[in-house]
Amino acid sequence: MLDEYLAVGEIVKPQGLRGELKIKPLTDNPDRFFALTRIRLLDEMRALHCLRVHDGFVYARLEGVYSRETAEDLRNTLLYIHRDDAVVLPKHTDFICDLVGCQAVDTEGVSHGVLAEVLQPGGVDVYVFRSEKGELLVPALKRAVLEVDVQEKRILLDANVLRETAVLS
């Protein structure tokens, strides 16, 4: 079962004296915040008004937050949207939050642990699987990652390609 809400940002700190918030976006396109009007925060929906995006951060006003002190109380708080309000992803693409927690098995039936993290260093994402054996880093290439089923929390990896490209740490 997929989560009903998706985290889209984290409040980093207050900005200024009147409750403006500096938000670290958890999305690859911070400009999406301009289209958001409602956000879930601490189990309640609130109005959100994005003021600007600068240096990769979102600066916004949030309903009920009108002072620096109130904004400070929200430091490190996650902001969520309902899954129905999320952007439509291209076919065969999943949200990272849905991938995390998937069990990895290769074509030879060997388990490689659970996807713990997705690194995004540039050209190709890197999946970090953790097990009692350690960490396995796998480039997110179509030839390496054969199947992803986020509903069943399962990822099928090509054993031959793993021998060529994966890094065990």
C-alpha atoms as a PDB file:
ATOM      1  CA  MET A   1       0.000   0.000   0.000  1.00  0.00           C
ATOM      2  CA  LEU A   2       1.431   3.357  -1.016  1.00  0.00           C
ATOM      3  CA  ASP A   3       1.337   6.322   1.364  1.00  0.00           C
ATOM      4  CA  GLU A   4      -1.588   8.677   0.853  1.00  0.00           C
ATOM      5  CA  TYR A   5       0.633  11.745   1.293  1.00  0.00           C
ATOM      6  CA  LEU A   6       4.001  12.584  -0.261  1.00  0.00           C
ATOM      7  CA  ALA A   7       6.640  14.737   1.443  1.00  0.00           C
ATOM      8  CA  VAL A   8       7.508  17.673  -0.823  1.00  0.00           C
ATOM      9  CA  GLY A   9       9.586  19.864   1.466  1.00  0.00           C
ATOM     10  CA  GLU A  10      11.148  20.423   4.843  1.00  0.00           C
ATOM     11  CA  ILE A  11      11.063  23.700   6.736  1.00  0.00           C
ATOM     12  CA  VAL A  12      14.689  24.696   7.277  1.00  0.00           C
ATOM     13  CA  LYS A  13      14.283  27.904   9.283  1.00  0.00           C
ATOM     14  CA  PRO A  14      12.412  31.184   9.605  1.00  0.00           C
ATOM     15  CA  GLN A  15      13.249  33.875   7.074  1.00  0.00           C
ATOM     16  CA  GLY A  16      12.793  37.395   8.396  1.00  0.00           C
ATOM     17  CA  LEU A  17      10.555  38.583  11.215  1.00  0.00           C
ATOM     18  CA  ARG A  18       7.012  38.054   9.891  1.00  0.00           C
ATOM     19  CA  GLY A  19       6.840  34.274   9.647  1.00  0.00           C
ATOM     20  CA  GLU A  20       8.248  33.655   6.180  1.00  0.00           C
ATOM     21  CA  LEU A  21       9.717  30.161   5.866  1.00  0.00           C
ATOM     22  CA  LYS A  22      12.792  28.836   4.106  1.00  0.00           C
ATOM     23  CA  ILE A  23      11.937  25.392   2.732  1.00  0.00           C
ATOM     24  CA  LYS A  24      14.228  22.714   1.366  1.00  0.00           C
ATOM     25  CA  PRO A  25      12.269  21.137  -1.505  1.00  0.00           C
ATOM     26  CA  LEU A  26      12.183  17.343  -1.692  1.00  0.00           C
ATOM     27  CA  THR A  27      11.321  17.463  -5.356  1.00  0.00           C
ATOM     28  CA  ASP A  28      13.449  17.837  -8.459  1.00  0.00           C
ATOM     29  CA  ASN A  29      11.538  20.973  -9.481  1.00  0.00           C
ATOM     30  CA  PRO A  30      11.152  23.590  -6.703  1.00  0.00           C
ATOM     31  CA  ASP A  31       9.017  25.754  -9.014  1.00  0.00           C
ATOM     32  CA  ARG A  32       6.179  23.282  -8.373  1.00  0.00           C
ATOM     33  CA  PHE A  33       5.618  25.131  -5.107  1.00  0.00           C
ATOM     34  CA  PHE A  34       4.169  28.070  -7.055  1.00  0.00           C
ATOM     35  CA  ALA A  35       1.245  25.835  -8.079  1.00  0.00           C
ATOM     36  CA  LEU A  36       0.592  24.512  -4.547  1.00  0.00           C
ATOM     37  CA  THR A  37      -2.126  26.273  -2.612  1.00  0.00           C
ATOM     38  CA  ARG A  38      -2.718  23.765   0.206  1.00  0.00           C
ATOM     39  CA  ILE A  39      -0.186  21.731   2.146  1.00  0.00           C
ATOM     40  CA  ARG A  40      -0.433  19.163   4.926  1.00  0.00           C
ATOM     41  CA  LEU A  41       1.496  20.120   8.022  1.00  0.00           C
ATOM     42  CA  LEU A  42       1.298  18.389  11.403  1.00  0.00           C
ATOM     43  CA  ASP A  43      -1.868  16.478  10.411  1.00  0.00           C
ATOM     44  CA  GLU A  44      -3.788  19.520   9.199  1.00  0.00           C
ATOM     45  CA  MET A  45      -4.209  21.232   5.858  1.00  0.00           C
ATOM     46  CA  ARG A  46      -3.049  24.839   5.560  1.00  0.00           C
ATOM     47  CA  ALA A  47      -2.877  27.428   2.815  1.00  0.00           C
ATOM     48  CA  LEU A  48       0.575  27.948   1.314  1.00  0.00           C
ATOM     49  CA  HIS A  49       1.803  30.874  -0.746  1.00  0.00           C
ATOM     50  CA  CYS A  50       5.161  30.472  -2.487  1.00  0.00           C
ATOM     51  CA  LEU A  51       6.937  33.830  -2.670  1.00  0.00           C
ATOM     52  CA  ARG A  52      10.106  32.896  -4.539  1.00  0.00           C
ATOM     53  CA  VAL A  53      12.626  30.179  -5.338  1.00  0.00           C
ATOM     54  CA  HIS A  54      16.272  31.113  -4.852  1.00  0.00           C
ATOM     55  CA  ASP A  55      19.463  28.986  -4.813  1.00  0.00           C
ATOM     56  CA  GLY A  56      17.412  25.786  -4.693  1.00  0.00           C
ATOM     57  CA  PHE A  57      15.295  26.827  -1.701  1.00  0.00           C
ATOM     58  CA  VAL A  58      11.635  27.831  -1.568  1.00  0.00           C
ATOM     59  CA  TYR A  59      10.551  30.878   0.410  1.00  0.00           C
ATOM     60  CA  ALA A  60       6.888  30.815   1.381  1.00  0.00           C
ATOM     61  CA  ARG A  61       4.173  32.019   3.720  1.00  0.00           C
ATOM     62  CA  LEU A  62       2.012  29.531   5.531  1.00  0.00           C
ATOM     63  CA  GLU A  63      -1.450  30.136   6.952  1.00  0.00           C
ATOM     64  CA  GLY A  64      -1.260  30.753  10.715  1.00  0.00           C
ATOM     65  CA  VAL A  65       2.451  31.584  10.722  1.00  0.00           C
ATOM     66  CA  TYR A  66       2.870  35.336  11.185  1.00  0.00           C
ATOM     67  CA  SER A  67       5.889  35.672  13.459  1.00  0.00           C
ATOM     68  CA  ARG A  68       9.471  34.513  13.580  1.00  0.00           C
ATOM     69  CA  GLU A  69       8.735  32.599  16.792  1.00  0.00           C
ATOM     70  CA  THR A  70       5.889  30.618  15.221  1.00  0.00           C
ATOM     71  CA  ALA A  71       8.068  29.893  12.200  1.00  0.00           C
ATOM     72  CA  GLU A  72      10.914  28.761  14.465  1.00  0.00           C
ATOM     73  CA  ASP A  73       8.588  26.220  16.117  1.00  0.00           C
ATOM     74  CA  LEU A  74       8.157  24.577  12.684  1.00  0.00           C
ATOM     75  CA  ARG A  75      11.887  24.112  12.009  1.00  0.00           C
ATOM     76  CA  ASN A  76      12.606  20.607  10.545  1.00  0.00           C
ATOM     77  CA  THR A  77       8.887  19.954   9.941  1.00  0.00           C
ATOM     78  CA  LEU A  78       7.970  18.106   6.752  1.00  0.00           C
ATOM     79  CA  LEU A  79       5.365  19.446   4.318  1.00  0.00           C
ATOM     80  CA  TYR A  80       3.123  16.989   2.459  1.00  0.00           C
ATOM     81  CA  ILE A  81       0.718  16.930  -0.454  1.00  0.00           C
ATOM     82  CA  HIS A  82      -1.986  14.385  -1.175  1.00  0.00           C
ATOM     83  CA  ARG A  83      -0.898  11.812  -3.753  1.00  0.00           C
ATOM     84  CA  ASP A  84      -3.788  12.929  -6.006  1.00  0.00           C
ATOM     85  CA  ASP A  85      -2.229  16.411  -6.167  1.00  0.00           C
ATOM     86  CA  ALA A  86       1.222  15.150  -7.171  1.00  0.00           C
ATOM     87  CA  VAL A  87       2.605  15.637 -10.665  1.00  0.00           C
ATOM     88  CA  VAL A  88       1.854  12.874 -13.121  1.00  0.00           C
ATOM     89  CA  LEU A  89       5.014  10.872 -13.674  1.00  0.00           C
ATOM     90  CA  PRO A  90       6.024   9.404 -17.024  1.00  0.00           C
ATOM     91  CA  LYS A  91       5.380   5.698 -17.573  1.00  0.00           C
ATOM     92  CA  HIS A  92       7.833   3.392 -15.741  1.00  0.00           C
ATOM     93  CA  THR A  93       8.816   6.175 -13.338  1.00  0.00           C
ATOM     94  CA  ASP A  94       8.195   6.142  -9.583  1.00  0.00           C
ATOM     95  CA  PHE A  95       8.527   8.576  -6.721  1.00  0.00           C
ATOM     96  CA  ILE A  96      11.698   7.958  -4.726  1.00  0.00           C
ATOM     97  CA  CYS A  97       9.660   7.677  -1.524  1.00  0.00           C
ATOM     98  CA  ASP A  98       7.777   4.739  -3.091  1.00  0.00           C
ATOM     99  CA  LEU A  99      11.034   3.009  -4.084  1.00  0.00           C
ATOM    100  CA  VAL A 100      12.619   3.246  -0.641  1.00  0.00           C
ATOM    101  CA  GLY A 101      11.852   0.104   1.318  1.00  0.00           C
ATOM    102  CA  CYS A 102      11.621  -2.178  -1.726  1.00  0.00           C
ATOM    103  CA  GLN A 103      13.321  -5.575  -1.432  1.00  0.00           C
ATOM    104  CA  ALA A 104      15.928  -6.325  -4.106  1.00  0.00           C
ATOM    105  CA  VAL A 105      16.299  -9.768  -5.641  1.00  0.00           C
ATOM    106  CA  ASP A 106      18.368 -10.648  -8.672  1.00  0.00           C
ATOM    107  CA  THR A 107      17.600 -12.973 -11.580  1.00  0.00           C
ATOM    108  CA  GLU A 108      19.419 -15.812  -9.781  1.00  0.00           C
ATOM    109  CA  GLY A 109      17.185 -15.477  -6.706  1.00  0.00           C
ATOM    110  CA  VAL A 110      19.815 -13.822  -4.500  1.00  0.00           C
ATOM    111  CA  SER A 111      18.475 -11.209  -2.076  1.00  0.00           C
ATOM    112  CA  HIS A 112      20.394  -7.932  -1.939  1.00  0.00           C
ATOM    113  CA  GLY A 113      18.559  -6.221   0.893  1.00  0.00           C
ATOM    114  CA  VAL A 114      16.282  -3.220   1.015  1.00  0.00           C
ATOM    115  CA  LEU A 115      16.546   0.013  -0.958  1.00  0.00           C
ATOM    116  CA  ALA A 116      17.548   2.510   1.711  1.00  0.00           C
ATOM    117  CA  GLU A 117      18.454   5.549  -0.343  1.00  0.00           C
ATOM    118  CA  VAL A 118      18.631   6.932  -3.869  1.00  0.00           C
ATOM    119  CA  LEU A 119      21.704   9.026  -4.633  1.00  0.00           C
ATOM    120  CA  GLN A 120      21.421  11.591  -7.417  1.00  0.00           C
ATOM    121  CA  PRO A 121      25.006  12.536  -8.290  1.00  0.00           C
ATOM    122  CA  GLY A 122      24.253  13.642 -11.830  1.00  0.00           C
ATOM    123  CA  GLY A 123      23.867  11.552 -14.969  1.00  0.00           C
ATOM    124  CA  VAL A 124      22.366   8.412 -13.439  1.00  0.00           C
ATOM    125  CA  ASP A 125      20.728   7.755 -10.079  1.00  0.00           C
ATOM    126  CA  VAL A 126      22.396   5.212  -7.792  1.00  0.00           C
ATOM    127  CA  TYR A 127      20.312   2.835  -5.686  1.00  0.00           C
ATOM    128  CA  VAL A 128      21.752   2.009  -2.263  1.00  0.00           C
ATOM    129  CA  PHE A 129      20.588  -1.378  -0.988  1.00  0.00           C
ATOM    130  CA  ARG A 130      21.367  -2.313   2.626  1.00  0.00           C
ATOM    131  CA  SER A 131      21.540  -5.807   4.061  1.00  0.00           C
ATOM    132  CA  GLU A 132      23.452  -7.653   6.774  1.00  0.00           C
ATOM    133  CA  LYS A 133      26.268  -8.053   4.184  1.00  0.00           C
ATOM    134  CA  GLY A 134      26.678  -4.284   3.881  1.00  0.00           C
ATOM    135  CA  GLU A 135      25.717  -1.777   1.203  1.00  0.00           C
ATOM    136  CA  LEU A 136      25.311  -2.512  -2.489  1.00  0.00           C
ATOM    137  CA  LEU A 137      25.374   0.452  -4.865  1.00  0.00           C
ATOM    138  CA  VAL A 138      23.649  -0.143  -8.199  1.00  0.00           C
ATOM    139  CA  PRO A 139      23.336   2.357 -11.044  1.00  0.00           C
ATOM    140  CA  ALA A 140      19.657   2.821 -11.954  1.00  0.00           C
ATOM    141  CA  LEU A 141      20.115   1.614 -15.521  1.00  0.00           C
ATOM    142  CA  LYS A 142      17.351  -0.170 -17.439  1.00  0.00           C
ATOM    143  CA  ARG A 143      19.687  -3.083 -18.087  1.00  0.00           C
ATOM    144  CA  ALA A 144      20.484  -3.416 -14.357  1.00  0.00           C
ATOM    145  CA  VAL A 145      17.025  -2.753 -12.905  1.00  0.00           C
ATOM    146  CA  LEU A 146      14.710  -5.063 -14.818  1.00  0.00           C
ATOM    147  CA  GLU A 147      11.483  -4.654 -12.862  1.00  0.00           C
ATOM    148  CA  VAL A 148      10.125  -2.347 -10.177  1.00  0.00           C
ATOM    149  CA  ASP A 149       6.866  -3.093  -8.384  1.00  0.00           C
ATOM    150  CA  VAL A 150       6.244  -0.439  -5.730  1.00  0.00           C
ATOM    151  CA  GLN A 151       2.882  -1.994  -4.795  1.00  0.00           C
ATOM    152  CA  GLU A 152       4.620  -5.274  -3.892  1.00  0.00           C
ATOM    153  CA  LYS A 153       7.762  -3.415  -2.680  1.00  0.00           C
ATOM    154  CA  ARG A 154      10.002  -5.491  -4.964  1.00  0.00           C
ATOM    155  CA  ILE A 155      12.862  -4.708  -7.357  1.00  0.00           C
ATOM    156  CA  LEU A 156      14.304  -7.270  -9.768  1.00  0.00           C
ATOM    157  CA  LEU A 157      17.968  -6.808 -10.680  1.00  0.00           C
ATOM    158  CA  ASP A 158      19.935  -8.486 -13.482  1.00  0.00           C
ATOM    159  CA  ALA A 159      22.576 -10.695 -11.812  1.00  0.00           C
ATOM    160  CA  ASN A 160      24.955 -10.489 -14.784  1.00  0.00           C
ATOM    161  CA  VAL A 161      24.834  -6.698 -14.920  1.00  0.00           C
ATOM    162  CA  LEU A 162      25.372  -6.516 -11.142  1.00  0.00           C
ATOM    163  CA  ARG A 163      28.648  -8.371 -11.550  1.00  0.00           C
ATOM    164  CA  GLU A 164      29.725  -5.691 -14.043  1.00  0.00           C
ATOM    165  CA  THR A 165      28.458  -2.486 -12.447  1.00  0.00           C
ATOM    166  CA  ALA A 166      27.502  -2.859  -8.787  1.00  0.00           C
ATOM    167  CA  VAL A 167      29.765  -1.788  -5.928  1.00  0.00           C
ATOM    168  CA  LEU A 168      29.698  -3.576  -2.579  1.00  0.00           C
ATOM    169  CA  SER A 169      30.819  -1.472   0.361  1.00  0.00           C
END
